[in-house]
Protein backbone atom coordinates (compact mmCIF):
# COMPACT_ATOMS: atom_id res chain seq x y z
CA MET A 1 22.60 -14.77 -6.16
CA GLY A 2 21.64 -11.93 -3.43
CA GLY A 3 23.24 -8.42 -3.44
CA THR A 4 25.37 -8.71 -6.83
CA TYR A 5 24.18 -5.21 -7.76
CA ARG A 6 24.39 -6.44 -11.34
CA PHE A 7 23.28 -3.32 -12.51
CA ARG A 8 25.66 -0.76 -11.19
CA GLU A 9 27.25 1.59 -13.46
CA ARG A 10 24.64 0.41 -16.50
CA ILE A 11 21.56 1.93 -15.37
CA ALA A 12 20.64 4.45 -12.59
CA PRO A 13 18.31 2.82 -9.59
CA LEU A 14 15.20 4.17 -9.45
CA PRO A 15 14.67 7.05 -7.09
CA ALA A 16 12.89 6.01 -3.21
CA VAL A 17 9.60 8.14 -4.08
CA LYS A 18 8.09 7.52 -7.39
CA ASN A 19 7.38 10.85 -9.46
CA PRO A 20 4.16 12.61 -8.91
CA MET A 21 1.28 10.68 -10.95
CA SER A 22 -1.30 13.87 -10.81
CA SER A 23 -1.89 17.04 -10.00
CA GLU A 24 -5.25 16.41 -8.33
CA ARG A 25 -3.99 15.77 -4.85
CA ILE A 26 -5.64 15.09 -1.44
CA LYS A 27 -3.91 15.76 1.96
CA LEU A 28 -4.56 12.99 4.41
CA TYR A 29 -5.31 13.38 8.13
CA ARG A 30 -1.91 12.92 10.08
CA PRO A 31 -2.60 11.23 13.71
CA ASP A 32 -1.04 12.20 17.05
CA VAL A 33 1.67 9.30 17.50
CA GLU A 34 2.39 10.22 20.87
CA LYS A 35 -1.44 9.91 21.80
CA LEU A 36 -1.54 6.54 20.07
CA ARG A 37 1.17 5.46 22.45
CA GLU A 38 -0.97 6.27 25.26
CA ASP A 39 -4.21 5.07 23.96
CA ASP A 40 -3.92 2.24 21.57
CA TYR A 41 -4.78 -1.27 22.64
CA PRO A 42 -2.29 -3.49 24.26
CA PHE A 43 -0.01 -5.13 21.28
CA SER A 44 -0.79 -8.79 22.50
CA LEU A 45 -4.31 -7.80 22.41
CA VAL A 46 -3.84 -6.59 18.76
CA LEU A 47 -2.23 -9.59 17.85
CA GLU A 48 -4.89 -11.85 19.35
CA GLU A 49 -7.96 -10.04 17.56
CA ARG A 50 -6.28 -9.84 14.28
CA LYS A 51 -8.32 -11.65 11.98
CA SER A 52 -10.00 -11.12 8.37
CA ILE A 53 -13.50 -9.44 8.40
CA ARG A 54 -15.60 -9.04 5.66
CA ASN A 55 -18.90 -7.75 7.44
CA TYR A 56 -19.10 -3.99 7.23
CA ALA A 57 -21.10 -1.29 9.04
CA ASP A 58 -23.87 0.84 7.07
CA LYS A 59 -21.65 3.70 7.78
CA PRO A 60 -18.74 3.75 5.58
CA ILE A 61 -15.32 4.44 6.45
CA SER A 62 -14.30 7.88 6.41
CA VAL A 63 -11.14 9.81 4.67
CA GLN A 64 -9.62 10.53 8.32
CA GLN A 65 -9.76 6.89 9.06
CA LEU A 66 -8.35 6.11 5.84
CA GLY A 67 -5.72 8.83 6.21
CA GLU A 68 -4.64 7.42 9.74
CA PHE A 69 -4.55 3.85 8.51
CA LEU A 70 -1.94 5.08 5.78
CA TYR A 71 -0.04 6.78 8.05
CA ARG A 72 0.26 4.39 10.53
CA SER A 73 1.12 1.64 8.04
CA ALA A 74 2.70 2.84 5.06
CA ARG A 75 4.25 6.25 4.99
CA ILE A 76 7.70 7.42 4.53
CA LYS A 77 8.97 8.08 7.87
CA GLU A 78 12.69 9.02 6.90
CA LEU A 79 14.20 9.11 3.41
CA ILE A 80 17.74 7.95 3.51
CA LYS A 81 20.09 9.62 0.68
CA ALA A 82 22.52 7.43 -1.23
CA ASN A 83 26.14 6.99 0.55
CA PRO A 84 28.39 4.96 -1.78
CA PRO A 85 31.27 5.26 0.45
CA ALA A 86 29.19 3.79 3.37
CA GLY A 87 28.03 1.07 1.37
CA LEU A 88 24.36 2.66 0.29
CA LEU A 89 24.58 2.67 -3.33
CA TYR A 90 20.75 3.76 -3.84
CA GLU A 91 18.44 6.34 -2.22
CA ALA A 92 16.34 4.44 0.68
CA SER A 93 13.94 4.68 3.06
CA ASN A 94 12.64 3.94 6.34
CA ARG A 95 8.53 2.87 6.51
CA PRO A 96 6.51 1.16 9.51
CA TYR A 97 6.80 -2.26 7.86
CA PRO A 98 10.31 -4.09 6.92
CA GLY A 99 11.29 -3.62 3.15
CA GLY A 100 14.38 -5.76 1.75
CA GLY A 101 17.39 -3.89 1.33
CA ALA A 102 15.32 -0.66 2.39
CA ALA A 103 14.71 -0.35 -1.24
CA TYR A 104 10.67 -0.12 -0.52
CA GLU A 105 9.67 -0.98 -4.14
CA LEU A 106 5.85 -1.17 -2.89
CA GLU A 107 3.01 1.33 -4.01
CA ILE A 108 -0.48 1.19 -3.21
CA TYR A 109 -3.60 2.20 -5.10
CA LEU A 110 -6.89 2.46 -4.23
CA ALA A 111 -10.16 2.14 -5.39
CA VAL A 112 -12.59 3.68 -3.62
CA ASN A 113 -16.48 2.58 -3.53
CA GLU A 114 -17.73 4.48 -0.29
CA CYS A 115 -15.63 6.65 1.77
CA GLU A 116 -17.06 9.54 3.65
CA GLY A 117 -15.46 12.65 2.56
CA LEU A 118 -13.86 11.19 -0.51
CA ALA A 119 -15.18 10.93 -4.00
CA GLY A 120 -15.29 7.16 -5.53
CA GLY A 121 -12.38 6.83 -7.83
CA LEU A 122 -8.82 5.35 -8.22
CA TYR A 123 -6.26 6.93 -6.25
CA HIS A 124 -2.05 6.37 -5.61
CA TYR A 125 -0.79 6.97 -2.16
CA ASP A 126 2.16 9.28 -1.81
CA PRO A 127 4.06 7.96 1.20
CA TRP A 128 6.21 10.90 1.59
CA GLN A 129 4.03 14.18 1.18
CA HIS A 130 0.89 11.55 2.76
CA GLU A 131 -1.28 12.31 0.36
CA LEU A 132 -3.82 10.84 -2.22
CA GLU A 133 -3.20 11.76 -5.94
CA LYS A 134 -6.37 11.30 -7.98
CA LEU A 135 -6.16 9.04 -11.22
CA SER A 136 -9.54 8.51 -12.24
CA THR A 137 -13.30 9.22 -11.29
CA ARG A 138 -15.91 6.72 -10.30
CA THR A 139 -15.67 4.54 -13.55
CA SER A 140 -16.77 1.25 -14.83
CA GLU A 141 -13.59 0.16 -14.88
CA VAL A 142 -12.69 1.22 -11.07
CA GLU A 143 -15.88 -0.88 -10.35
CA GLY A 144 -14.46 -3.57 -12.16
CA LEU A 145 -11.45 -3.17 -9.54
CA LEU A 146 -14.04 -3.23 -6.98
CA LYS A 147 -16.02 -6.21 -8.31
CA TYR A 148 -12.91 -8.65 -8.89
CA CYS A 149 -11.95 -7.88 -5.03
CA SER A 150 -15.33 -8.58 -3.91
CA ALA A 151 -15.39 -12.26 -5.91
CA ALA A 152 -12.13 -12.98 -4.49
CA ALA A 153 -13.22 -12.46 -1.11
CA GLY A 154 -16.43 -14.04 -1.44
CA LEU A 155 -18.61 -10.89 -0.56
CA LYS A 156 -22.12 -10.62 -1.96
CA GLU A 157 -21.32 -6.53 -2.07
CA LEU A 158 -18.92 -4.25 -3.37
CA PRO A 159 -16.16 -3.56 -0.40
CA PRO A 160 -15.83 0.04 0.84
CA VAL A 161 -12.08 0.23 -0.51
CA SER A 162 -9.84 -1.77 -1.99
CA LEU A 163 -5.98 -1.39 -1.63
CA HIS A 164 -3.84 -2.79 -4.86
CA ILE A 165 -0.36 -3.18 -4.01
CA THR A 166 2.14 -3.10 -6.98
CA ALA A 167 5.61 -3.24 -7.00
CA ARG A 168 8.21 -1.31 -8.82
CA PHE A 169 10.51 -4.07 -9.91
CA GLN A 170 13.69 -2.62 -10.58
CA ARG A 171 13.66 -0.97 -7.29
CA VAL A 172 14.71 -4.34 -5.87
CA ALA A 173 15.98 -6.10 -9.40
CA TRP A 174 18.85 -3.06 -9.24
CA LYS A 175 20.11 -4.83 -5.97
CA TYR A 176 19.38 -8.26 -5.60
CA GLN A 177 19.78 -10.69 -8.67
CA SER A 178 18.10 -14.17 -8.42
CA ILE A 179 16.09 -13.36 -5.14
CA ALA A 180 14.66 -10.05 -6.30
CA TYR A 181 11.07 -11.54 -6.92
CA SER A 182 11.10 -13.91 -3.52
CA VAL A 183 12.10 -10.46 -1.60
CA ILE A 184 9.44 -8.49 -3.27
CA LEU A 185 6.68 -11.41 -2.30
CA LYS A 186 8.15 -11.25 1.28
CA ASP A 187 7.74 -7.49 1.12
CA VAL A 188 4.33 -7.86 0.61
CA GLY A 189 3.77 -10.30 3.57
CA ALA A 190 5.52 -7.75 5.69
CA LEU A 191 3.01 -5.16 4.50
CA TYR A 192 -0.01 -7.43 4.83
CA GLN A 193 0.89 -8.08 8.40
CA THR A 194 1.11 -4.55 9.20
CA LEU A 195 -1.66 -3.66 7.77
CA TYR A 196 -3.57 -6.24 9.52
CA LEU A 197 -2.34 -5.21 12.79
CA VAL A 198 -3.34 -1.39 12.14
CA ALA A 199 -6.71 -1.97 11.20
CA THR A 200 -7.27 -4.48 14.15
CA ALA A 201 -5.57 -1.26 16.34
CA MET A 202 -8.21 1.00 15.00
CA ASP A 203 -11.36 -1.43 15.04
CA LEU A 204 -11.66 -1.69 11.19
CA ALA A 205 -12.34 -4.30 8.96
CA PRO A 206 -9.30 -5.90 6.99
CA THR A 207 -9.29 -8.61 4.75
CA ALA A 208 -5.96 -9.74 2.61
CA ILE A 209 -6.83 -11.04 -1.04
CA GLY A 210 -4.73 -13.87 -2.82
CA SER A 211 -5.37 -12.43 -6.18
CA GLY A 212 -5.99 -9.56 -8.42
CA PRO A 213 -6.92 -7.94 -11.58
CA ALA A 214 -3.12 -6.72 -12.42
CA LYS A 215 -3.46 -6.09 -16.06
CA LEU A 216 -6.69 -3.72 -15.43
CA LEU A 217 -5.00 -1.76 -12.84
CA CYS A 218 -2.04 -1.38 -14.90
CA ARG A 219 -4.38 -0.10 -17.93
CA MET A 220 -6.09 2.48 -15.63
CA ALA A 221 -3.10 3.76 -13.51
CA GLY A 222 -0.91 4.03 -16.91
CA LEU A 223 1.81 1.50 -15.79
CA ASN A 224 3.97 -0.72 -17.99
CA TYR A 225 3.00 -4.19 -16.77
CA LEU A 226 6.65 -5.32 -16.97
CA GLU A 227 8.07 -2.37 -15.17
CA GLU A 228 5.46 -2.19 -12.19
CA SER A 229 2.26 -4.50 -11.74
CA ALA A 230 0.30 -5.73 -8.69
CA VAL A 231 1.80 -8.12 -6.11
CA GLY A 232 -1.05 -7.83 -3.69
CA GLU A 233 -4.69 -6.63 -2.95
CA PHE A 234 -6.43 -5.76 0.39
CA ILE A 235 -10.05 -4.34 1.36
CA LEU A 236 -10.75 -2.56 4.05
CA GLY A 237 -14.00 -0.82 5.68
CA ASN A 238 -15.58 0.09 8.68
CA LYS A 239 -16.56 -3.22 10.95
CA ARG A 240 -20.09 -4.08 11.58
CA ILE A 241 -20.40 -3.93 15.54
């Protein structure tokens, strides 16, 4: 139970950053964090106002808003090299949300329906470079991801953007034994709350979803279902004022 490192000396741990998935990359907007500290809503107000919102403005979310949202909630702030003498046996990272063992196994894929300045399609978020990797244009399968999320959230329309959160299971299971999947689900909850709070601070419309089309996502992104598959979904858009 716990951090037994059962695979040490048997298989190498996965790197903290996933290998590139596409050569077609889109650099994202990086907000001024110091300015945000001065201009943001007070933290207590953000907590009190946080809620799921399923009504979207006619004007779609912009790629700049999406870049700020991902930067504030999911980017890698620091890569930490393995240091076995100090007890760190694998490469770790530091991000805006907490993660068990600093493994940060979660990956974010985005199915884009409507986003000003960004073509519809399927993208993978690179949290170290703060870039989107384009995996697919707007296909019937991308629409399938959006339709599933729409139905799960009880929407009458497709969401502007759906975030599909996967886990690279080995990142956690390399260290933890019987609690590995439990740790992953706790990490999903921590990421959910961070996404909610950032969206609230940005006056966006966020909604977490309890289920998702895991096999469809794996097929579209070329993932091995047993190595990396969906553990959470989240939809996002501009809030109707």
